[in-house]
PDB file of N, CA and C in Angstrom:
ATOM      1  N   MET A   1       0.922  -0.800   0.150  1.00  0.00           N
ATOM      2  CA  MET A   1       0.091  -0.148   0.117  1.00  0.00           C
ATOM      3  C   MET A   1       1.123   1.611   0.326  1.00  0.00           C
ATOM      4  N   ALA A   2       0.345   2.654  -0.928  1.00  0.00           N
ATOM      5  CA  ALA A   2       1.535   3.526  -1.028  1.00  0.00           C
ATOM      6  C   ALA A   2       0.983   4.550   0.382  1.00  0.00           C
ATOM      7  N   THR A   3       2.173   4.806   0.505  1.00  0.00           N
ATOM      8  CA  THR A   3       1.789   5.758   2.368  1.00  0.00           C
ATOM      9  C   THR A   3       1.123   7.329   1.388  1.00  0.00           C
ATOM     10  N   SER A   4       1.024   8.153   2.033  1.00  0.00           N
ATOM     11  CA  SER A   4       0.628   9.395   1.743  1.00  0.00           C
ATOM     12  C   SER A   4       1.920  10.477   0.917  1.00  0.00           C
ATOM     13  N   GLU A   5       2.728  10.187   2.351  1.00  0.00           N
ATOM     14  CA  GLU A   5       4.117  10.685   1.201  1.00  0.00           C
ATOM     15  C   GLU A   5       4.900  10.526  -0.170  1.00  0.00           C
ATOM     16  N   GLN A   6       4.100   9.012  -0.698  1.00  0.00           N
ATOM     17  CA  GLN A   6       4.565   7.851  -1.398  1.00  0.00           C
ATOM     18  C   GLN A   6       3.637   9.325  -2.969  1.00  0.00           C
ATOM     19  N   LEU A   7       2.751   9.349  -2.578  1.00  0.00           N
ATOM     20  CA  LEU A   7       1.532   9.806  -3.174  1.00  0.00           C
ATOM     21  C   LEU A   7       1.477  11.127  -3.791  1.00  0.00           C
ATOM     22  N   GLU A   8       2.117  11.861  -2.755  1.00  0.00           N
ATOM     23  CA  GLU A   8       2.679  13.236  -2.515  1.00  0.00           C
ATOM     24  C   GLU A   8       3.816  13.576  -3.623  1.00  0.00           C
ATOM     25  N   ARG A   9       4.296  12.654  -3.547  1.00  0.00           N
ATOM     26  CA  ARG A   9       5.234  12.886  -4.385  1.00  0.00           C
ATOM     27  C   ARG A   9       5.494  11.800  -6.002  1.00  0.00           C
ATOM     28  N   GLU A  10       4.460  11.608  -6.062  1.00  0.00           N
ATOM     29  CA  GLU A  10       4.342  10.953  -6.991  1.00  0.00           C
ATOM     30  C   GLU A  10       3.495  12.174  -7.879  1.00  0.00           C
ATOM     31  N   ALA A  11       2.066  12.779  -7.067  1.00  0.00           N
ATOM     32  CA  ALA A  11       1.784  13.442  -7.441  1.00  0.00           C
ATOM     33  C   ALA A  11       2.130  15.184  -7.911  1.00  0.00           C
ATOM     34  N   GLU A  12       3.611  14.991  -7.390  1.00  0.00           N
ATOM     35  CA  GLU A  12       4.283  16.371  -7.479  1.00  0.00           C
ATOM     36  C   GLU A  12       5.234  16.217  -8.946  1.00  0.00           C
ATOM     37  N   THR A  13       5.495  15.183  -9.052  1.00  0.00           N
ATOM     38  CA  THR A  13       6.242  14.523 -10.232  1.00  0.00           C
ATOM     39  C   THR A  13       5.342  15.009 -11.408  1.00  0.00           C
ATOM     40  N   THR A  14       4.235  14.406 -11.419  1.00  0.00           N
ATOM     41  CA  THR A  14       3.284  14.163 -12.425  1.00  0.00           C
ATOM     42  C   THR A  14       3.036  15.978 -12.751  1.00  0.00           C
ATOM     43  N   ARG A  15       3.048  16.519 -11.924  1.00  0.00           N
ATOM     44  CA  ARG A  15       2.212  18.110 -12.082  1.00  0.00           C
ATOM     45  C   ARG A  15       4.071  18.796 -12.965  1.00  0.00           C
ATOM     46  N   ALA A  16       4.762  18.638 -12.220  1.00  0.00           N
ATOM     47  CA  ALA A  16       6.252  18.992 -13.095  1.00  0.00           C
ATOM     48  C   ALA A  16       6.109  18.396 -14.699  1.00  0.00           C
ATOM     49  N   GLN A  17       5.702  17.269 -14.782  1.00  0.00           N
ATOM     50  CA  GLN A  17       5.795  16.630 -16.424  1.00  0.00           C
ATOM     51  C   GLN A  17       4.942  17.290 -16.912  1.00  0.00           C
ATOM     52  N   ILE A  18       3.683  17.876 -16.292  1.00  0.00           N
ATOM     53  CA  ILE A  18       2.100  18.855 -17.224  1.00  0.00           C
ATOM     54  C   ILE A  18       3.146  20.296 -17.893  1.00  0.00           C
ATOM     55  N   ALA A  19       3.260  20.559 -16.403  1.00  0.00           N
ATOM     56  CA  ALA A  19       4.160  22.162 -16.694  1.00  0.00           C
ATOM     57  C   ALA A  19       5.135  21.865 -17.598  1.00  0.00           C
ATOM     58  N   ALA A  20       6.035  21.287 -18.005  1.00  0.00           N
ATOM     59  CA  ALA A  20       6.816  20.905 -18.754  1.00  0.00           C
ATOM     60  C   ALA A  20       6.802  20.942 -20.356  1.00  0.00           C
ATOM     61  N   THR A  21       5.744  20.374 -20.017  1.00  0.00           N
ATOM     62  CA  THR A  21       4.676  19.757 -21.087  1.00  0.00           C
ATOM     63  C   THR A  21       4.077  20.928 -22.011  1.00  0.00           C
ATOM     64  N   LEU A  22       3.053  21.935 -21.108  1.00  0.00           N
ATOM     65  CA  LEU A  22       2.581  22.894 -21.219  1.00  0.00           C
ATOM     66  C   LEU A  22       3.622  24.111 -22.264  1.00  0.00           C
ATOM     67  N   ASP A  23       4.786  23.371 -20.953  1.00  0.00           N
ATOM     68  CA  ASP A  23       5.385  24.938 -21.767  1.00  0.00           C
ATOM     69  C   ASP A  23       6.157  24.988 -23.197  1.00  0.00           C
ATOM     70  N   GLU A  24       6.314  23.517 -22.972  1.00  0.00           N
ATOM     71  CA  GLU A  24       6.844  22.995 -24.611  1.00  0.00           C
ATOM     72  C   GLU A  24       5.492  23.245 -25.618  1.00  0.00           C
ATOM     73  N   LEU A  25       4.651  22.948 -25.467  1.00  0.00           N
ATOM     74  CA  LEU A  25       3.047  23.644 -26.665  1.00  0.00           C
ATOM     75  C   LEU A  25       3.140  25.187 -26.545  1.00  0.00           C
ATOM     76  N   ARG A  26       3.561  25.679 -25.552  1.00  0.00           N
ATOM     77  CA  ARG A  26       3.675  27.026 -25.583  1.00  0.00           C
ATOM     78  C   ARG A  26       4.187  27.895 -26.811  1.00  0.00           C
ATOM     79  N   GLY A  27       5.645  27.005 -25.973  1.00  0.00           N
ATOM     80  CA  GLY A  27       6.865  27.320 -27.262  1.00  0.00           C
ATOM     81  C   GLY A  27       6.459  27.350 -28.330  1.00  0.00           C
ATOM     82  N   ARG A  28       6.085  26.258 -29.203  1.00  0.00           N
ATOM     83  CA  ARG A  28       5.767  25.765 -30.549  1.00  0.00           C
ATOM     84  C   ARG A  28       4.510  26.503 -30.945  1.00  0.00           C
ATOM     85  N   LEU A  29       3.313  26.858 -30.018  1.00  0.00           N
ATOM     86  CA  LEU A  29       2.343  27.576 -30.828  1.00  0.00           C
ATOM     87  C   LEU A  29       2.573  29.097 -30.628  1.00  0.00           C
ATOM     88  N   THR A  30       3.504  29.838 -31.043  1.00  0.00           N
ATOM     89  CA  THR A  30       3.784  31.201 -31.172  1.00  0.00           C
ATOM     90  C   THR A  30       3.532  31.766 -32.762  1.00  0.00           C
ATOM     91  N   ALA A  31       2.288  32.979 -32.448  1.00  0.00           N
ATOM     92  CA  ALA A  31       2.237  33.418 -33.284  1.00  0.00           C
ATOM     93  C   ALA A  31       3.127  33.465 -34.999  1.00  0.00           C
ATOM     94  N   GLY A  32       4.613  33.692 -34.505  1.00  0.00           N
ATOM     95  CA  GLY A  32       5.463  33.560 -35.406  1.00  0.00           C
ATOM     96  C   GLY A  32       5.884  31.768 -36.393  1.00  0.00           C
ATOM     97  N   GLN A  33       5.725  31.097 -35.127  1.00  0.00           N
ATOM     98  CA  GLN A  33       6.478  29.810 -35.598  1.00  0.00           C
ATOM     99  C   GLN A  33       4.783  29.299 -36.754  1.00  0.00           C
ATOM    100  N   MET A  34       3.595  29.588 -36.400  1.00  0.00           N
ATOM    101  CA  MET A  34       2.160  29.430 -36.894  1.00  0.00           C
ATOM    102  C   MET A  34       2.357  29.839 -38.607  1.00  0.00           C
ATOM    103  N   VAL A  35       2.870  31.129 -38.299  1.00  0.00           N
ATOM    104  CA  VAL A  35       2.640  31.659 -39.701  1.00  0.00           C
ATOM    105  C   VAL A  35       3.816  31.254 -40.914  1.00  0.00           C
ATOM    106  N   ASP A  36       5.089  30.710 -39.876  1.00  0.00           N
ATOM    107  CA  ASP A  36       6.169  29.762 -40.710  1.00  0.00           C
ATOM    108  C   ASP A  36       5.691  28.581 -40.934  1.00  0.00           C
ATOM    109  N   GLN A  37       4.554  27.940 -40.491  1.00  0.00           N
ATOM    110  CA  GLN A  37       4.284  26.094 -41.002  1.00  0.00           C
ATOM    111  C   GLN A  37       3.650  26.925 -41.916  1.00  0.00           C
ATOM    112  N   ILE A  38       2.321  27.673 -41.578  1.00  0.00           N
ATOM    113  CA  ILE A  38       1.235  28.141 -42.698  1.00  0.00           C
ATOM    114  C   ILE A  38       1.594  28.442 -44.120  1.00  0.00           C
ATOM    115  N   ILE A  39       3.265  29.161 -44.684  1.00  0.00           N
ATOM    116  CA  ILE A  39       3.927  29.435 -45.601  1.00  0.00           C
ATOM    117  C   ILE A  39       4.687  27.987 -46.058  1.00  0.00           C
ATOM    118  N   ASP A  40       5.115  27.102 -45.504  1.00  0.00           N
ATOM    119  CA  ASP A  40       5.716  26.003 -45.619  1.00  0.00           C
ATOM    120  C   ASP A  40       4.552  25.407 -46.403  1.00  0.00           C
ATOM    121  N   TYR A  41       3.456  25.276 -45.603  1.00  0.00           N
ATOM    122  CA  TYR A  41       2.697  23.865 -45.996  1.00  0.00           C
ATOM    123  C   TYR A  41       2.055  24.918 -47.194  1.00  0.00           C
ATOM    124  N   THR A  42       2.223  25.951 -47.465  1.00  0.00           N
ATOM    125  CA  THR A  42       1.657  26.343 -48.663  1.00  0.00           C
ATOM    126  C   THR A  42       2.672  26.015 -49.627  1.00  0.00           C
ATOM    127  N   ARG A  43       3.825  26.488 -49.750  1.00  0.00           N
ATOM    128  CA  ARG A  43       5.369  25.634 -50.788  1.00  0.00           C
ATOM    129  C   ARG A  43       5.198  24.766 -50.142  1.00  0.00           C
ATOM    130  N   ASP A  44       4.928  23.920 -50.099  1.00  0.00           N
ATOM    131  CA  ASP A  44       4.826  22.476 -50.074  1.00  0.00           C
ATOM    132  C   ASP A  44       3.865  21.721 -51.208  1.00  0.00           C
ATOM    133  N   SER A  45       2.515  22.337 -51.080  1.00  0.00           N
ATOM    134  CA  SER A  45       1.274  21.313 -51.373  1.00  0.00           C
ATOM    135  C   SER A  45       1.157  22.570 -52.870  1.00  0.00           C
ATOM    136  N   GLY A  46       1.788  23.189 -53.132  1.00  0.00           N
ATOM    137  CA  GLY A  46       1.306  23.523 -54.699  1.00  0.00           C
ATOM    138  C   GLY A  46       1.004  25.243 -54.722  1.00  0.00           C
ATOM    139  N   GLY A  47       0.129  25.975 -53.105  1.00  0.00           N
ATOM    140  CA  GLY A  47      -0.396  26.813 -53.052  1.00  0.00           C
ATOM    141  C   GLY A  47       0.980  28.110 -53.407  1.00  0.00           C
ATOM    142  N   GLY A  48       1.785  27.734 -53.251  1.00  0.00           N
ATOM    143  CA  GLY A  48       2.585  29.124 -53.865  1.00  0.00           C
ATOM    144  C   GLY A  48       2.924  29.182 -55.179  1.00  0.00           C
ATOM    145  N   GLU A  49       2.436  28.034 -56.029  1.00  0.00           N
ATOM    146  CA  GLU A  49       2.475  28.467 -57.474  1.00  0.00           C
ATOM    147  C   GLU A  49       1.244  29.074 -58.060  1.00  0.00           C
ATOM    148  N   PHE A  50       0.281  28.645 -57.163  1.00  0.00           N
ATOM    149  CA  PHE A  50      -1.352  29.417 -57.034  1.00  0.00           C
ATOM    150  C   PHE A  50      -1.148  30.421 -56.911  1.00  0.00           C
ATOM    151  N   PHE A  51      -0.647  31.054 -55.952  1.00  0.00           N
ATOM    152  CA  PHE A  51      -0.895  32.706 -55.418  1.00  0.00           C
ATOM    153  C   PHE A  51       0.538  33.212 -56.265  1.00  0.00           C
ATOM    154  N   ARG A  52       1.468  32.532 -57.234  1.00  0.00           N
ATOM    155  CA  ARG A  52       2.620  33.457 -58.279  1.00  0.00           C
ATOM    156  C   ARG A  52       1.144  33.562 -59.446  1.00  0.00           C
ATOM    157  N   SER A  53       1.170  32.376 -60.009  1.00  0.00           N
ATOM    158  CA  SER A  53       0.211  32.340 -60.712  1.00  0.00           C
ATOM    159  C   SER A  53      -0.974  33.685 -60.454  1.00  0.00           C
ATOM    160  N   PHE A  54      -1.443  33.976 -59.826  1.00  0.00           N
ATOM    161  CA  PHE A  54      -2.768  34.694 -59.478  1.00  0.00           C
ATOM    162  C   PHE A  54      -2.450  36.129 -59.552  1.00  0.00           C
ATOM    163  N   GLY A  55      -1.131  36.698 -59.007  1.00  0.00           N
ATOM    164  CA  GLY A  55      -0.468  37.407 -59.417  1.00  0.00           C
ATOM    165  C   GLY A  55      -0.380  37.978 -60.261  1.00  0.00           C
ATOM    166  N   ARG A  56       0.821  36.942 -60.914  1.00  0.00           N
ATOM    167  CA  ARG A  56       0.508  37.715 -62.839  1.00  0.00           C
ATOM    168  C   ARG A  56      -0.595  37.617 -63.433  1.00  0.00           C
ATOM    169  N   GLN A  57      -1.564  36.602 -63.097  1.00  0.00           N
ATOM    170  CA  GLN A  57      -3.008  37.243 -64.138  1.00  0.00           C
ATOM    171  C   GLN A  57      -3.354  38.764 -63.632  1.00  0.00           C
ATOM    172  N   VAL A  58      -3.311  38.972 -62.301  1.00  0.00           N
ATOM    173  CA  VAL A  58      -4.077  40.611 -61.929  1.00  0.00           C
ATOM    174  C   VAL A  58      -2.973  41.376 -62.240  1.00  0.00           C
ATOM    175  N   ALA A  59      -1.352  41.113 -62.245  1.00  0.00           N
ATOM    176  CA  ALA A  59      -0.859  42.093 -63.209  1.00  0.00           C
ATOM    177  C   ALA A  59      -0.652  42.077 -65.131  1.00  0.00           C
ATOM    178  N   GLY A  60      -1.117  41.170 -65.402  1.00  0.00           N
ATOM    179  CA  GLY A  60      -1.529  41.301 -67.397  1.00  0.00           C
ATOM    180  C   GLY A  60      -3.143  41.570 -67.467  1.00  0.00           C
ATOM    181  N   ASN A  61      -3.497  41.357 -66.091  1.00  0.00           N
ATOM    182  CA  ASN A  61      -5.358  41.848 -66.283  1.00  0.00           C
ATOM    183  C   ASN A  61      -6.065  42.642 -66.017  1.00  0.00           C
ATOM    184  N   PRO A  62      -5.346  44.064 -65.208  1.00  0.00           N
ATOM    185  CA  PRO A  62      -5.722  45.141 -64.071  1.00  0.00           C
ATOM    186  C   PRO A  62      -7.739  45.007 -64.341  1.00  0.00           C
ATOM    187  N   LEU A  63      -7.805  45.125 -65.625  1.00  0.00           N
ATOM    188  CA  LEU A  63      -9.686  45.855 -65.803  1.00  0.00           C
ATOM    189  C   LEU A  63     -10.646  44.467 -65.283  1.00  0.00           C
ATOM    190  N   PRO A  64     -10.499  43.542 -65.550  1.00  0.00           N
ATOM    191  CA  PRO A  64     -11.429  42.555 -64.792  1.00  0.00           C
ATOM    192  C   PRO A  64     -10.992  42.454 -63.512  1.00  0.00           C
ATOM    193  N   VAL A  65      -9.999  42.907 -62.706  1.00  0.00           N
ATOM    194  CA  VAL A  65      -9.700  42.704 -61.294  1.00  0.00           C
ATOM    195  C   VAL A  65     -10.240  43.965 -61.089  1.00  0.00           C
ATOM    196  N   THR A  66     -10.366  45.174 -61.309  1.00  0.00           N
ATOM    197  CA  THR A  66     -10.964  46.087 -60.996  1.00  0.00           C
ATOM    198  C   THR A  66     -12.551  46.172 -61.156  1.00  0.00           C
ATOM    199  N   LEU A  67     -13.081  45.202 -62.192  1.00  0.00           N
ATOM    200  CA  LEU A  67     -14.413  44.922 -62.234  1.00  0.00           C
ATOM    201  C   LEU A  67     -14.954  44.167 -61.533  1.00  0.00           C
ATOM    202  N   VAL A  68     -14.191  42.906 -60.793  1.00  0.00           N
ATOM    203  CA  VAL A  68     -14.782  42.507 -59.861  1.00  0.00           C
ATOM    204  C   VAL A  68     -14.684  42.747 -59.110  1.00  0.00           C
ATOM    205  N   GLY A  69     -13.639  43.810 -57.939  1.00  0.00           N
ATOM    206  CA  GLY A  69     -13.498  44.216 -56.792  1.00  0.00           C
ATOM    207  C   GLY A  69     -14.831  45.671 -57.132  1.00  0.00           C
ATOM    208  N   ALA A  70     -15.083  46.216 -58.232  1.00  0.00           N
ATOM    209  CA  ALA A  70     -16.686  47.225 -58.129  1.00  0.00           C
ATOM    210  C   ALA A  70     -17.377  46.540 -57.784  1.00  0.00           C
ATOM    211  N   GLY A  71     -17.451  45.324 -58.333  1.00  0.00           N
ATOM    212  CA  GLY A  71     -19.135  44.187 -58.037  1.00  0.00           C
ATOM    213  C   GLY A  71     -19.393  44.117 -57.265  1.00  0.00           C
ATOM    214  N   LEU A  72     -17.855  43.626 -56.242  1.00  0.00           N
ATOM    215  CA  LEU A  72     -18.183  43.150 -54.627  1.00  0.00           C
ATOM    216  C   LEU A  72     -18.379  44.184 -53.655  1.00  0.00           C
ATOM    217  N   ALA A  73     -17.598  45.205 -54.562  1.00  0.00           N
ATOM    218  CA  ALA A  73     -18.284  46.704 -53.224  1.00  0.00           C
ATOM    219  C   ALA A  73     -19.105  46.919 -53.005  1.00  0.00           C
ATOM    220  N   TRP A  74     -20.405  46.625 -54.776  1.00  0.00           N
ATOM    221  CA  TRP A  74     -21.326  47.182 -55.147  1.00  0.00           C
ATOM    222  C   TRP A  74     -22.397  46.163 -54.013  1.00  0.00           C
ATOM    223  N   LEU A  75     -22.120  44.860 -54.194  1.00  0.00           N
ATOM    224  CA  LEU A  75     -22.991  43.837 -53.341  1.00  0.00           C
ATOM    225  C   LEU A  75     -23.031  44.469 -52.078  1.00  0.00           C
ATOM    226  N   MET A  76     -21.949  44.953 -51.275  1.00  0.00           N
ATOM    227  CA  MET A  76     -21.614  44.787 -49.638  1.00  0.00           C
ATOM    228  C   MET A  76     -22.182  45.930 -49.287  1.00  0.00           C
ATOM    229  N   MET A  77     -22.207  46.757 -50.382  1.00  0.00           N
ATOM    230  CA  MET A  77     -22.787  48.385 -50.243  1.00  0.00           C
ATOM    231  C   MET A  77     -24.600  48.329 -49.539  1.00  0.00           C
ATOM    232  N   ALA A  78     -24.886  47.294 -51.161  1.00  0.00           N
ATOM    233  CA  ALA A  78     -26.490  46.852 -51.311  1.00  0.00           C
ATOM    234  C   ALA A  78     -26.708  46.157 -49.822  1.00  0.00           C
ATOM    235  N   GLY A  79     -26.196  45.449 -49.633  1.00  0.00           N
ATOM    236  CA  GLY A  79     -26.315  44.755 -48.148  1.00  0.00           C
ATOM    237  C   GLY A  79     -26.671  45.613 -47.108  1.00  0.00           C
ATOM    238  N   ARG A  80     -25.507  46.761 -46.465  1.00  0.00           N
ATOM    239  CA  ARG A  80     -25.952  47.503 -46.153  1.00  0.00           C
ATOM    240  C   ARG A  80     -27.532  48.897 -45.143  1.00  0.00           C
ATOM    241  N   ARG A  81     -27.767  48.291 -46.559  1.00  0.00           N
ATOM    242  CA  ARG A  81     -29.404  49.377 -46.417  1.00  0.00           C
ATOM    243  C   ARG A  81     -30.511  48.285 -45.722  1.00  0.00           C
ATOM    244  N   GLY A  82     -30.346  47.183 -45.988  1.00  0.00           N
ATOM    245  CA  GLY A  82     -31.248  46.175 -45.865  1.00  0.00           C
ATOM    246  C   GLY A  82     -32.117  45.304 -46.953  1.00  0.00           C
ATOM    247  N   PRO A  83     -33.314  45.181 -46.672  1.00  0.00           N
ATOM    248  CA  PRO A  83     -34.356  44.732 -48.047  1.00  0.00           C
ATOM    249  C   PRO A  83     -35.336  45.593 -48.451  1.00  0.00           C
ATOM    250  N   ALA A  84     -34.644  45.417 -49.439  1.00  0.00           N
ATOM    251  CA  ALA A  84     -35.923  46.198 -50.154  1.00  0.00           C
ATOM    252  C   ALA A  84     -37.209  46.212 -49.599  1.00  0.00           C
ATOM    253  N   ARG A  85     -37.778  47.449 -49.368  1.00  0.00           N
ATOM    254  CA  ARG A  85     -39.445  47.769 -49.043  1.00  0.00           C
ATOM    255  C   ARG A  85     -40.094  48.229 -50.579  1.00  0.00           C
ATOM    256  N   ASN A  86     -41.827  47.597 -50.223  1.00  0.00           N
ATOM    257  CA  ASN A  86     -42.939  47.968 -51.361  1.00  0.00           C
ATOM    258  C   ASN A  86     -42.754  49.393 -51.123  1.00  0.00           C
ATOM    259  N   GLY A  87     -42.710  50.414 -51.803  1.00  0.00           N
ATOM    260  CA  GLY A  87     -43.448  51.609 -51.481  1.00  0.00           C
ATOM    261  C   GLY A  87     -42.322  52.695 -51.561  1.00  0.00           C
ATOM    262  N   GLU A  88     -41.524  52.430 -50.549  1.00  0.00           N
ATOM    263  CA  GLU A  88     -39.998  52.753 -50.607  1.00  0.00           C
ATOM    264  C   GLU A  88     -39.311  53.315 -51.428  1.00  0.00           C
TER     265      GLU A  88
END
């Protein structure tokens, strides 16, 4: 049978291990590291090529991009007014 001193030592050891694990996780989850992981994932998965190609298309075709942007802005502004009412 375990004594209360042994149980307290085991509990303290477990607390120390959990604290160390949490500190390690906090270190891994900094904003900079998350951004680095996202960038690495994008490069490895072909997303980088998509964005480079998209950038070239935007630079080569500025008029369609401008029209799409104006259309989206118009839709957003129309949504702010609320639903149209008959007679107003």
